[in-house]
């Protein structure tokens, strides 16, 4: 794989080659569809966004679930992406998509290397947001994810998801 972005078929093939379970592949496709739709809408609003990066990053955001189903799948996925020569922009999407971001303190507590694990770019934010809206292949209200995080006593993560929702919704020109 070169440092070029994989197209849709190549990304799905990468998931298969890395033995991602079928339900993970279905989830990634649903997230990619929503993220792509969001990116196109943002582009039409005049925002500068790399639509191809959003689609490829969304398709491969859960690449690490081929080996692990904990929060660590983000780090593992980034390592796999790096080992096969995917562009840094994609590696960052994979590494930063979980929980609308992981703080430096949270990363330290779970033993992750020192790095930035919160979505920084618009592309990273769109993929992370779309991931929070897809459950079992269907779009769910953002409140579903926020409530789930609150019930798990992950109030900071719930607040990050809420802030991400407000940011993307406002960029789309809608009321949160």
C-alpha atoms as a PDB file:
ATOM      1  CA  UNK A   1       0.000   0.000   0.000  1.00  0.00           C
ATOM      2  CA  UNK A   2       1.396   3.392  -0.921  1.00  0.00           C
ATOM      3  CA  UNK A   3       0.946   6.607   1.016  1.00  0.00           C
ATOM      4  CA  UNK A   4      -2.069   7.337  -1.197  1.00  0.00           C
ATOM      5  CA  UNK A   5      -5.562   7.046   0.222  1.00  0.00           C
ATOM      6  CA  UNK A   6      -7.225   3.702  -0.444  1.00  0.00           C
ATOM      7  CA  UNK A   7     -10.508   3.874  -2.351  1.00  0.00           C
ATOM      8  CA  UNK A   8     -13.673   2.305  -0.929  1.00  0.00           C
ATOM      9  CA  UNK A   9     -13.015  -1.174  -2.358  1.00  0.00           C
ATOM     10  CA  UNK A  10      -9.367  -1.163  -1.255  1.00  0.00           C
ATOM     11  CA  UNK A  11     -10.330  -0.050   2.273  1.00  0.00           C
ATOM     12  CA  UNK A  12     -12.964  -2.787   2.617  1.00  0.00           C
ATOM     13  CA  UNK A  13     -10.444  -5.318   1.293  1.00  0.00           C
ATOM     14  CA  UNK A  14      -7.936  -4.132   3.960  1.00  0.00           C
ATOM     15  CA  UNK A  15     -10.557  -4.778   6.652  1.00  0.00           C
ATOM     16  CA  UNK A  16     -11.128  -8.292   5.260  1.00  0.00           C
ATOM     17  CA  UNK A  17      -7.393  -9.034   4.896  1.00  0.00           C
ATOM     18  CA  UNK A  18      -6.886  -8.058   8.532  1.00  0.00           C
ATOM     19  CA  UNK A  19      -9.707 -10.420   9.574  1.00  0.00           C
ATOM     20  CA  UNK A  20     -12.157  -7.803  10.806  1.00  0.00           C
ATOM     21  CA  UNK A  21     -15.433  -9.507  11.762  1.00  0.00           C
ATOM     22  CA  UNK A  22     -18.325  -8.990   9.284  1.00  0.00           C
ATOM     23  CA  UNK A  23     -20.283  -6.876  11.799  1.00  0.00           C
ATOM     24  CA  UNK A  24     -17.285  -4.532  12.175  1.00  0.00           C
ATOM     25  CA  UNK A  25     -17.033  -4.189   8.389  1.00  0.00           C
ATOM     26  CA  UNK A  26     -20.774  -3.428   8.203  1.00  0.00           C
ATOM     27  CA  UNK A  27     -20.376  -0.834  10.965  1.00  0.00           C
ATOM     28  CA  UNK A  28     -17.434   0.786   9.164  1.00  0.00           C
ATOM     29  CA  UNK A  29     -19.431   1.006   5.919  1.00  0.00           C
ATOM     30  CA  UNK A  30     -22.394   2.601   7.743  1.00  0.00           C
ATOM     31  CA  UNK A  31     -20.079   5.098   9.472  1.00  0.00           C
ATOM     32  CA  UNK A  32     -18.392   5.881   6.137  1.00  0.00           C
ATOM     33  CA  UNK A  33     -21.743   6.486   4.426  1.00  0.00           C
ATOM     34  CA  UNK A  34     -22.837   8.928   7.149  1.00  0.00           C
ATOM     35  CA  UNK A  35     -19.419  10.615   7.397  1.00  0.00           C
ATOM     36  CA  UNK A  36     -19.271  11.027   3.613  1.00  0.00           C
ATOM     37  CA  UNK A  37     -22.772  12.523   3.526  1.00  0.00           C
ATOM     38  CA  UNK A  38     -21.796  14.939   6.323  1.00  0.00           C
ATOM     39  CA  UNK A  39     -18.516  15.887   4.610  1.00  0.00           C
ATOM     40  CA  UNK A  40     -20.289  16.629   1.325  1.00  0.00           C
ATOM     41  CA  UNK A  41     -22.815  18.845   3.137  1.00  0.00           C
ATOM     42  CA  UNK A  42     -19.986  20.711   4.887  1.00  0.00           C
ATOM     43  CA  UNK A  43     -18.163  21.151   1.583  1.00  0.00           C
ATOM     44  CA  UNK A  44     -21.336  22.582   0.023  1.00  0.00           C
ATOM     45  CA  UNK A  45     -21.465  25.044   2.952  1.00  0.00           C
ATOM     46  CA  UNK A  46     -18.063  26.292   1.794  1.00  0.00           C
ATOM     47  CA  UNK A  47     -15.895  24.522   4.365  1.00  0.00           C
ATOM     48  CA  UNK A  48     -12.574  23.093   3.248  1.00  0.00           C
ATOM     49  CA  UNK A  49     -12.726  19.344   3.863  1.00  0.00           C
ATOM     50  CA  UNK A  50     -11.002  16.380   2.233  1.00  0.00           C
ATOM     51  CA  UNK A  51     -14.017  14.221   1.364  1.00  0.00           C
ATOM     52  CA  UNK A  52     -11.878  11.287   0.149  1.00  0.00           C
ATOM     53  CA  UNK A  53      -9.944  11.278   3.432  1.00  0.00           C
ATOM     54  CA  UNK A  54     -13.194  11.275   5.398  1.00  0.00           C
ATOM     55  CA  UNK A  55     -14.516   8.273   3.469  1.00  0.00           C
ATOM     56  CA  UNK A  56     -11.272   6.264   3.659  1.00  0.00           C
ATOM     57  CA  UNK A  57     -10.719   7.167   7.324  1.00  0.00           C
ATOM     58  CA  UNK A  58     -14.276   6.227   8.242  1.00  0.00           C
ATOM     59  CA  UNK A  59     -14.001   2.911   6.441  1.00  0.00           C
ATOM     60  CA  UNK A  60     -10.814   2.055   8.343  1.00  0.00           C
ATOM     61  CA  UNK A  61     -11.502   3.744  11.703  1.00  0.00           C
ATOM     62  CA  UNK A  62     -12.117   0.363  13.394  1.00  0.00           C
ATOM     63  CA  UNK A  63      -9.267  -1.520  11.675  1.00  0.00           C
ATOM     64  CA  UNK A  64      -7.881  -2.346  15.144  1.00  0.00           C
ATOM     65  CA  UNK A  65     -11.043  -4.291  15.987  1.00  0.00           C
ATOM     66  CA  UNK A  66      -9.498  -7.075  13.938  1.00  0.00           C
ATOM     67  CA  UNK A  67      -7.348  -7.733  17.031  1.00  0.00           C
ATOM     68  CA  UNK A  68      -9.045  -6.041  19.998  1.00  0.00           C
ATOM     69  CA  UNK A  69     -12.509  -4.838  20.997  1.00  0.00           C
ATOM     70  CA  UNK A  70     -11.506  -2.571  23.886  1.00  0.00           C
ATOM     71  CA  UNK A  71     -10.685   1.137  23.587  1.00  0.00           C
ATOM     72  CA  UNK A  72      -7.181  -0.050  22.635  1.00  0.00           C
ATOM     73  CA  UNK A  73      -8.480  -0.881  19.144  1.00  0.00           C
ATOM     74  CA  UNK A  74      -7.689   2.745  18.234  1.00  0.00           C
ATOM     75  CA  UNK A  75      -3.972   2.367  19.017  1.00  0.00           C
ATOM     76  CA  UNK A  76      -3.799  -1.093  17.442  1.00  0.00           C
ATOM     77  CA  UNK A  77      -5.569   0.164  14.303  1.00  0.00           C
ATOM     78  CA  UNK A  78      -3.154   3.085  14.031  1.00  0.00           C
ATOM     79  CA  UNK A  79      -0.206   0.658  14.326  1.00  0.00           C
ATOM     80  CA  UNK A  80      -1.640  -1.584  11.589  1.00  0.00           C
ATOM     81  CA  UNK A  81      -2.305   1.439   9.367  1.00  0.00           C
ATOM     82  CA  UNK A  82       1.260   2.660   9.899  1.00  0.00           C
ATOM     83  CA  UNK A  83       2.731  -0.791   9.191  1.00  0.00           C
ATOM     84  CA  UNK A  84       0.973  -0.957   5.810  1.00  0.00           C
ATOM     85  CA  UNK A  85       2.031   2.554   4.862  1.00  0.00           C
ATOM     86  CA  UNK A  86      -1.248   4.440   5.071  1.00  0.00           C
ATOM     87  CA  UNK A  87      -0.973   8.244   5.128  1.00  0.00           C
ATOM     88  CA  UNK A  88      -0.459   9.982   8.467  1.00  0.00           C
ATOM     89  CA  UNK A  89      -3.799  11.791   8.056  1.00  0.00           C
ATOM     90  CA  UNK A  90      -5.577   8.399   8.085  1.00  0.00           C
ATOM     91  CA  UNK A  91      -3.538   7.085  10.994  1.00  0.00           C
ATOM     92  CA  UNK A  92      -4.619  10.128  13.025  1.00  0.00           C
ATOM     93  CA  UNK A  93      -8.310   9.511  12.208  1.00  0.00           C
ATOM     94  CA  UNK A  94      -7.986   5.910  13.415  1.00  0.00           C
ATOM     95  CA  UNK A  95      -6.063   6.932  16.545  1.00  0.00           C
ATOM     96  CA  UNK A  96      -8.377   9.821  17.484  1.00  0.00           C
ATOM     97  CA  UNK A  97     -11.893   8.549  16.753  1.00  0.00           C
ATOM     98  CA  UNK A  98     -12.781   6.915  20.085  1.00  0.00           C
ATOM     99  CA  UNK A  99     -15.092   8.612  22.569  1.00  0.00           C
ATOM    100  CA  UNK A 100     -14.966  11.930  20.688  1.00  0.00           C
ATOM    101  CA  UNK A 101     -11.404  11.951  21.936  1.00  0.00           C
ATOM    102  CA  UNK A 102      -9.314  10.687  24.818  1.00  0.00           C
ATOM    103  CA  UNK A 103      -7.651  13.278  27.061  1.00  0.00           C
ATOM    104  CA  UNK A 104      -3.948  13.179  27.868  1.00  0.00           C
ATOM    105  CA  UNK A 105      -4.816  12.157  31.455  1.00  0.00           C
ATOM    106  CA  UNK A 106      -7.143   9.356  30.285  1.00  0.00           C
ATOM    107  CA  UNK A 107      -4.519   8.112  27.809  1.00  0.00           C
ATOM    108  CA  UNK A 108      -1.943   8.017  30.598  1.00  0.00           C
ATOM    109  CA  UNK A 109      -4.342   6.058  32.860  1.00  0.00           C
ATOM    110  CA  UNK A 110      -4.900   3.383  30.207  1.00  0.00           C
ATOM    111  CA  UNK A 111      -1.197   3.168  29.407  1.00  0.00           C
ATOM    112  CA  UNK A 112      -1.177   4.737  25.942  1.00  0.00           C
ATOM    113  CA  UNK A 113       1.964   6.448  24.639  1.00  0.00           C
ATOM    114  CA  UNK A 114       2.068  10.228  25.060  1.00  0.00           C
ATOM    115  CA  UNK A 115       0.278  11.706  22.013  1.00  0.00           C
ATOM    116  CA  UNK A 116      -2.834  13.620  20.965  1.00  0.00           C
ATOM    117  CA  UNK A 117      -5.921  11.371  20.985  1.00  0.00           C
ATOM    118  CA  UNK A 118      -8.661  13.947  20.419  1.00  0.00           C
ATOM    119  CA  UNK A 119      -9.927  14.790  16.930  1.00  0.00           C
ATOM    120  CA  UNK A 120      -8.177  17.964  15.745  1.00  0.00           C
ATOM    121  CA  UNK A 121      -9.060  18.363  12.071  1.00  0.00           C
ATOM    122  CA  UNK A 122     -12.512  18.659  10.553  1.00  0.00           C
ATOM    123  CA  UNK A 123     -12.016  15.272   8.869  1.00  0.00           C
ATOM    124  CA  UNK A 124     -11.142  13.638  12.216  1.00  0.00           C
ATOM    125  CA  UNK A 125     -14.152  15.253  13.889  1.00  0.00           C
ATOM    126  CA  UNK A 126     -16.585  14.169  11.157  1.00  0.00           C
ATOM    127  CA  UNK A 127     -15.449  10.526  11.381  1.00  0.00           C
ATOM    128  CA  UNK A 128     -15.566  10.510  15.186  1.00  0.00           C
ATOM    129  CA  UNK A 129     -19.031  12.097  15.140  1.00  0.00           C
ATOM    130  CA  UNK A 130     -20.417   9.681  12.538  1.00  0.00           C
ATOM    131  CA  UNK A 131     -19.063   6.775  14.615  1.00  0.00           C
ATOM    132  CA  UNK A 132     -21.060   8.004  17.634  1.00  0.00           C
ATOM    133  CA  UNK A 133     -24.259   8.137  15.555  1.00  0.00           C
ATOM    134  CA  UNK A 134     -24.110   4.584  14.176  1.00  0.00           C
ATOM    135  CA  UNK A 135     -25.242   1.656  16.285  1.00  0.00           C
ATOM    136  CA  UNK A 136     -25.783  -1.761  14.703  1.00  0.00           C
ATOM    137  CA  UNK A 137     -25.738  -0.246  11.235  1.00  0.00           C
ATOM    138  CA  UNK A 138     -28.413   2.362  11.940  1.00  0.00           C
ATOM    139  CA  UNK A 139     -28.321   6.056  12.754  1.00  0.00           C
ATOM    140  CA  UNK A 140     -29.299   6.687  16.372  1.00  0.00           C
ATOM    141  CA  UNK A 141     -29.943   9.979  18.184  1.00  0.00           C
ATOM    142  CA  UNK A 142     -26.756  11.432  19.707  1.00  0.00           C
ATOM    143  CA  UNK A 143     -28.570  11.418  23.068  1.00  0.00           C
ATOM    144  CA  UNK A 144     -28.399   7.593  22.974  1.00  0.00           C
ATOM    145  CA  UNK A 145     -24.595   7.680  23.015  1.00  0.00           C
ATOM    146  CA  UNK A 146     -24.476  10.489  25.589  1.00  0.00           C
ATOM    147  CA  UNK A 147     -26.842   8.567  27.921  1.00  0.00           C
ATOM    148  CA  UNK A 148     -24.842   5.355  27.505  1.00  0.00           C
ATOM    149  CA  UNK A 149     -21.628   7.144  28.471  1.00  0.00           C
ATOM    150  CA  UNK A 150     -23.305   8.825  31.466  1.00  0.00           C
ATOM    151  CA  UNK A 151     -24.682   5.462  32.680  1.00  0.00           C
ATOM    152  CA  UNK A 152     -21.129   4.063  32.446  1.00  0.00           C
ATOM    153  CA  UNK A 153     -20.026   7.021  34.617  1.00  0.00           C
ATOM    154  CA  UNK A 154     -17.996   8.465  31.716  1.00  0.00           C
ATOM    155  CA  UNK A 155     -19.324  11.978  32.159  1.00  0.00           C
ATOM    156  CA  UNK A 156     -16.303  13.731  30.637  1.00  0.00           C
ATOM    157  CA  UNK A 157     -16.595  11.572  27.511  1.00  0.00           C
ATOM    158  CA  UNK A 158     -20.343  12.249  27.370  1.00  0.00           C
ATOM    159  CA  UNK A 159     -19.620  15.978  27.494  1.00  0.00           C
ATOM    160  CA  UNK A 160     -17.015  15.676  24.701  1.00  0.00           C
ATOM    161  CA  UNK A 161     -19.591  13.860  22.547  1.00  0.00           C
ATOM    162  CA  UNK A 162     -22.143  16.593  23.283  1.00  0.00           C
ATOM    163  CA  UNK A 163     -19.649  19.336  22.348  1.00  0.00           C
ATOM    164  CA  UNK A 164     -18.712  17.515  19.132  1.00  0.00           C
ATOM    165  CA  UNK A 165     -22.417  17.206  18.295  1.00  0.00           C
ATOM    166  CA  UNK A 166     -22.944  20.943  18.836  1.00  0.00           C
ATOM    167  CA  UNK A 167     -19.882  21.815  16.731  1.00  0.00           C
ATOM    168  CA  UNK A 168     -20.790  19.628  13.737  1.00  0.00           C
ATOM    169  CA  UNK A 169     -24.491  20.502  13.907  1.00  0.00           C
ATOM    170  CA  UNK A 170     -23.694  24.229  13.944  1.00  0.00           C
ATOM    171  CA  UNK A 171     -21.246  23.860  11.030  1.00  0.00           C
ATOM    172  CA  UNK A 172     -24.063  22.166   9.097  1.00  0.00           C
ATOM    173  CA  UNK A 173     -26.229  25.214   9.822  1.00  0.00           C
ATOM    174  CA  UNK A 174     -28.638  23.412  12.117  1.00  0.00           C
ATOM    175  CA  UNK A 175     -29.609  23.936  15.741  1.00  0.00           C
ATOM    176  CA  UNK A 176     -28.101  21.334  18.090  1.00  0.00           C
END
